[in-house]
Amino acid sequence: MFQLPVPTVRREPIVSWRGSFNDEEISKIKDLVELQEFKEGSLGFQNNNHLDKKVRDSNVSFLKVDEHSRWLYEKISNLISRVKY
């Protein structure tokens, strides 16, 4: 389980961070997409899910922490801890 470090300095409420990922990291993120299994996005909760493409027409996947994605979770956690107060 990842935990964000406790910030010691107050930060801005909205942040745009250019250059957070270099070209190699962006390539690795694209590779992660290829490993994912996508399903149609649905509406509702638990067993009441239904598809209504007029409202939502998307494919979704959840990136789980594993040997391929751990570096990304660590990187994002680090970035968040630098801007989150």
Protein backbone atom coordinates (compact mmCIF):
# COMPACT_ATOMS: atom_id res chain seq x y z
CA MET A 1 0.00 0.00 0.00
CA PHE A 2 1.34 3.41 -0.96
CA GLN A 3 1.22 6.27 1.51
CA LEU A 4 1.84 9.86 0.58
CA PRO A 5 4.48 11.65 2.64
CA VAL A 6 3.13 14.36 4.93
CA PRO A 7 3.89 17.77 3.38
CA THR A 8 5.84 20.29 5.41
CA VAL A 9 5.15 23.39 3.30
CA ARG A 10 1.81 24.87 2.21
CA ARG A 11 1.26 24.45 -1.54
CA GLU A 12 -0.94 26.07 -4.18
CA PRO A 13 -4.49 24.61 -4.52
CA ILE A 14 -4.20 24.10 -8.31
CA VAL A 15 -1.05 22.94 -10.04
CA SER A 16 -0.03 22.23 -13.63
CA TRP A 17 3.27 20.40 -13.80
CA ARG A 18 4.90 20.28 -17.21
CA GLY A 19 7.68 17.77 -17.75
CA SER A 20 6.52 15.41 -15.01
CA PHE A 21 7.31 12.45 -17.24
CA ASN A 22 10.21 12.10 -19.64
CA ASP A 23 9.94 10.45 -23.08
CA GLU A 24 11.04 7.04 -21.77
CA GLU A 25 8.42 7.11 -19.01
CA ILE A 26 5.70 8.15 -21.46
CA SER A 27 6.67 5.21 -23.65
CA LYS A 28 6.46 2.87 -20.65
CA ILE A 29 2.98 4.24 -19.82
CA LYS A 30 1.88 3.51 -23.39
CA ASP A 31 3.24 -0.03 -22.98
CA LEU A 32 1.13 -0.42 -19.82
CA VAL A 33 -1.98 0.38 -21.85
CA GLU A 34 -1.23 -2.61 -24.07
CA LEU A 35 -1.24 -4.90 -21.00
CA GLN A 36 -4.69 -3.76 -19.81
CA GLU A 37 -8.02 -5.46 -20.35
CA PHE A 38 -10.75 -2.92 -21.12
CA LYS A 39 -14.51 -3.27 -20.71
CA GLU A 40 -17.41 -1.05 -21.66
CA GLY A 41 -18.10 1.65 -19.11
CA SER A 42 -21.50 1.28 -17.48
CA LEU A 43 -23.85 3.31 -15.31
CA GLY A 44 -25.06 2.37 -11.86
CA PHE A 45 -23.76 0.63 -8.80
CA GLN A 46 -23.03 -2.99 -7.89
CA ASN A 47 -25.41 -5.35 -9.75
CA ASN A 48 -27.58 -2.59 -11.22
CA ASN A 49 -25.03 -1.67 -13.90
CA HIS A 50 -26.45 -1.02 -17.33
CA LEU A 51 -25.13 0.28 -20.63
CA ASP A 52 -26.56 3.46 -22.14
CA LYS A 53 -24.27 4.69 -24.88
CA LYS A 54 -26.25 7.93 -25.20
CA VAL A 55 -25.04 8.83 -21.71
CA ARG A 56 -21.69 7.04 -21.51
CA ASP A 57 -19.75 5.53 -24.40
CA SER A 58 -16.33 4.55 -23.07
CA ASN A 59 -14.00 1.68 -22.40
CA VAL A 60 -12.46 1.50 -18.93
CA SER A 61 -9.72 -0.36 -17.15
CA PHE A 62 -8.19 -0.07 -13.70
CA LEU A 63 -4.44 -0.11 -13.45
CA LYS A 64 -3.50 -2.42 -10.59
CA VAL A 65 -0.19 -2.20 -8.81
CA ASP A 66 2.09 -4.95 -10.09
CA GLU A 67 5.66 -5.40 -11.30
CA HIS A 68 4.84 -3.44 -14.47
CA SER A 69 3.06 -0.46 -12.90
CA ARG A 70 4.65 -0.05 -9.46
CA TRP A 71 7.11 2.57 -10.76
CA LEU A 72 4.20 4.67 -12.06
CA TYR A 73 2.33 4.56 -8.76
CA GLU A 74 5.53 5.57 -6.96
CA LYS A 75 6.17 8.41 -9.42
CA ILE A 76 2.62 9.76 -9.19
CA SER A 77 2.64 9.43 -5.39
CA ASN A 78 5.85 11.44 -5.29
CA LEU A 79 4.41 14.14 -7.57
CA ILE A 80 1.21 14.36 -5.53
CA SER A 81 3.11 14.63 -2.26
CA ARG A 82 5.06 17.57 -3.68
CA VAL A 83 1.91 19.55 -4.51
CA LYS A 84 -0.72 18.33 -2.04
CA TYR A 85 -1.08 20.11 1.26
